[in-house]
Amino acid sequence: MHIRNVIFGIILFFLVSCDYFSFTKKKKTQAIDTIINLSKVDISPSFNKCKELDVSAKNDCFRAEIQEKISMSLSEIDFIVDEDMDEVIYVHLIINNYGRVKLKEIEASKNVLEKLPVLDSLLKVSVKKLPKIFPAIKRGIPVTTQYTLPVKIAIKNN
């Protein structure tokens, strides 16, 4: 009876301890960050002038520079309208992963589009005149981004 208890104890020990002896290799897995915010980039697009600045200053420099370049281009044109105009339009630009800029669309009131029918073609020319742009960077990879530029149209009737 004593041997029977010992054998039963040994069998019970092996049955219970099987969880402690694993014959399969434990895989060493590395946690991968799979949550990617696709609406934000790590580094915004930039002009050569802004390239050496830190991230927040680079973004501000890019905004100021692109607004200045397009405003200067539009200010060279004499628009003739029959009444004063003071409105803001939104120019949607696509900056691809090679730094090429394309005018996607112009968001403007019906009044602006009627009074200035050549505005879209003038903006296309202004966009083509922009200097070289370095694309936005996301996780070390150049990516295509969309940029919305507000442009104030203020024309006084002479």
Protein backbone atom coordinates (compact mmCIF):
# COMPACT_ATOMS: atom_id res chain seq x y z
CA MET A 1 0.00 0.00 0.00
CA HIS A 2 2.89 2.28 0.72
CA ILE A 3 4.40 1.73 -2.76
CA ARG A 4 1.04 2.32 -4.33
CA ASN A 5 0.85 5.77 -2.64
CA VAL A 6 4.39 6.62 -3.79
CA ILE A 7 3.64 5.64 -7.42
CA PHE A 8 0.36 7.56 -7.29
CA GLY A 9 2.27 10.61 -5.92
CA ILE A 10 4.89 10.39 -8.71
CA ILE A 11 2.21 10.11 -11.41
CA LEU A 12 0.30 12.99 -9.85
CA PHE A 13 3.50 15.06 -9.74
CA PHE A 14 4.17 14.51 -13.47
CA LEU A 15 0.60 15.30 -14.44
CA VAL A 16 0.57 18.55 -12.49
CA SER A 17 4.09 19.64 -13.45
CA CYS A 18 3.60 19.26 -17.23
CA ASP A 19 2.83 22.97 -17.44
CA TYR A 20 6.25 23.76 -16.04
CA PHE A 21 8.10 21.68 -18.63
CA SER A 22 7.33 23.07 -22.03
CA PHE A 23 8.76 21.26 -25.00
CA THR A 24 7.91 24.01 -27.47
CA LYS A 25 10.30 26.90 -28.00
CA LYS A 26 9.18 30.14 -26.53
CA LYS A 27 9.13 32.72 -29.28
CA LYS A 28 10.74 36.01 -28.50
CA THR A 29 8.45 38.51 -30.13
CA GLN A 30 9.00 42.20 -30.28
CA ALA A 31 6.01 44.46 -29.85
CA ILE A 32 5.43 46.48 -33.00
CA ASP A 33 3.83 49.89 -32.91
CA THR A 34 0.98 49.32 -35.32
CA ILE A 35 -1.04 52.40 -34.49
CA ILE A 36 -0.11 55.06 -37.03
CA ASN A 37 -1.74 58.46 -37.11
CA LEU A 38 -2.11 59.05 -40.83
CA SER A 39 -3.40 62.59 -40.43
CA LYS A 40 -0.10 63.94 -39.09
CA VAL A 41 3.45 63.84 -40.35
CA ASP A 42 6.65 63.78 -38.32
CA ILE A 43 8.30 66.54 -40.36
CA SER A 44 6.26 68.95 -42.47
CA PRO A 45 7.19 69.92 -46.03
CA SER A 46 9.81 72.63 -46.24
CA PHE A 47 11.66 74.97 -48.52
CA ASN A 48 15.46 75.04 -48.64
CA LYS A 49 15.33 78.19 -46.51
CA CYS A 50 13.51 76.30 -43.72
CA LYS A 51 15.38 72.99 -43.93
CA GLU A 52 17.74 73.46 -40.96
CA LEU A 53 15.10 74.64 -38.45
CA ASP A 54 13.54 72.50 -35.72
CA VAL A 55 10.17 70.83 -36.37
CA SER A 56 7.78 73.55 -35.14
CA ALA A 57 9.84 76.41 -36.58
CA LYS A 58 10.08 74.53 -39.89
CA ASN A 59 6.28 74.29 -40.10
CA ASP A 60 5.86 78.02 -39.38
CA CYS A 61 8.59 78.90 -41.88
CA PHE A 62 6.95 76.76 -44.57
CA ARG A 63 3.54 78.37 -44.02
CA ALA A 64 4.95 81.88 -44.10
CA GLU A 65 7.11 81.20 -47.15
CA ILE A 66 4.39 79.56 -49.27
CA GLN A 67 1.88 82.29 -48.40
CA GLU A 68 4.42 84.96 -49.27
CA LYS A 69 5.33 83.36 -52.62
CA ILE A 70 1.72 82.91 -53.75
CA SER A 71 0.66 86.35 -52.48
CA MET A 72 3.55 88.00 -54.33
CA SER A 73 2.65 86.16 -57.50
CA LEU A 74 -1.00 87.23 -57.28
CA SER A 75 -0.17 90.82 -56.33
CA GLU A 76 1.64 91.27 -59.68
CA ILE A 77 -1.72 90.98 -61.48
CA ASP A 78 -4.12 93.89 -61.76
CA PHE A 79 -7.61 92.57 -61.23
CA ILE A 80 -10.45 94.76 -62.47
CA VAL A 81 -13.79 94.34 -60.73
CA ASP A 82 -16.91 96.49 -60.66
CA GLU A 83 -17.22 96.42 -56.84
CA ASP A 84 -14.88 96.05 -53.87
CA MET A 85 -14.04 92.53 -52.84
CA ASP A 86 -12.71 91.35 -49.49
CA GLU A 87 -12.94 87.57 -49.11
CA VAL A 88 -10.82 84.59 -48.12
CA ILE A 89 -10.42 81.65 -50.46
CA TYR A 90 -8.82 78.32 -49.63
CA VAL A 91 -6.30 76.81 -52.01
CA HIS A 92 -5.86 73.05 -51.57
CA LEU A 93 -2.40 71.88 -52.61
CA ILE A 94 -0.98 68.37 -52.92
CA ILE A 95 2.73 68.02 -52.22
CA ASN A 96 3.80 64.57 -53.36
CA ASN A 97 6.61 62.45 -51.94
CA TYR A 98 9.04 63.93 -54.48
CA GLY A 99 8.24 67.52 -53.48
CA ARG A 100 6.16 68.35 -56.55
CA VAL A 101 3.24 70.68 -55.88
CA LYS A 102 -0.12 70.39 -57.60
CA LEU A 103 -3.19 72.57 -57.22
CA LYS A 104 -5.99 70.24 -56.15
CA GLU A 105 -8.88 72.69 -55.91
CA ILE A 106 -9.89 76.20 -54.98
CA GLU A 107 -12.58 76.69 -52.38
CA ALA A 108 -14.13 80.09 -52.98
CA SER A 109 -17.49 81.76 -52.86
CA LYS A 110 -19.63 81.96 -55.97
CA ASN A 111 -19.04 85.74 -56.01
CA VAL A 112 -15.25 85.33 -56.26
CA LEU A 113 -15.50 82.68 -58.97
CA GLU A 114 -17.85 84.86 -61.04
CA LYS A 115 -15.87 88.10 -60.65
CA LEU A 116 -12.44 86.47 -61.12
CA PRO A 117 -12.90 83.62 -63.61
CA VAL A 118 -9.15 83.43 -64.33
CA LEU A 119 -8.21 83.01 -60.67
CA ASP A 120 -7.72 79.24 -60.93
CA SER A 121 -5.33 79.50 -63.89
CA LEU A 122 -3.40 82.30 -62.15
CA LEU A 123 -3.08 80.16 -59.03
CA LYS A 124 -1.83 77.23 -61.12
CA VAL A 125 0.89 79.47 -62.54
CA SER A 126 1.74 80.73 -59.04
CA VAL A 127 2.06 77.16 -57.78
CA LYS A 128 4.34 76.23 -60.67
CA LYS A 129 6.61 79.18 -59.79
CA LEU A 130 7.20 77.89 -56.27
CA PRO A 131 10.82 76.99 -55.48
CA LYS A 132 11.88 73.42 -54.69
CA ILE A 133 9.95 71.90 -51.80
CA PHE A 134 11.22 69.03 -49.67
CA PRO A 135 8.37 66.57 -49.01
CA ALA A 136 6.88 65.76 -45.61
CA ILE A 137 8.43 62.89 -43.67
CA LYS A 138 6.55 60.16 -41.80
CA ARG A 139 8.65 57.53 -40.00
CA GLY A 140 11.67 58.43 -42.09
CA ILE A 141 9.84 58.05 -45.41
CA PRO A 142 8.86 60.95 -47.73
CA VAL A 143 5.07 61.04 -48.01
CA THR A 144 2.43 62.87 -50.02
CA THR A 145 0.55 65.53 -48.05
CA GLN A 146 -2.32 67.92 -48.62
CA TYR A 147 -1.91 71.51 -47.56
CA THR A 148 -4.70 74.09 -47.35
CA LEU A 149 -3.59 77.65 -47.89
CA PRO A 150 -5.94 80.51 -46.96
CA VAL A 151 -5.58 83.44 -49.36
CA LYS A 152 -7.23 86.78 -48.70
CA ILE A 153 -8.58 88.48 -51.82
CA ALA A 154 -8.87 92.19 -51.14
CA ILE A 155 -9.56 94.30 -54.24
CA LYS A 156 -10.55 97.94 -54.12
CA ASN A 157 -12.51 99.36 -57.03
CA ASN A 158 -10.79 102.44 -58.42
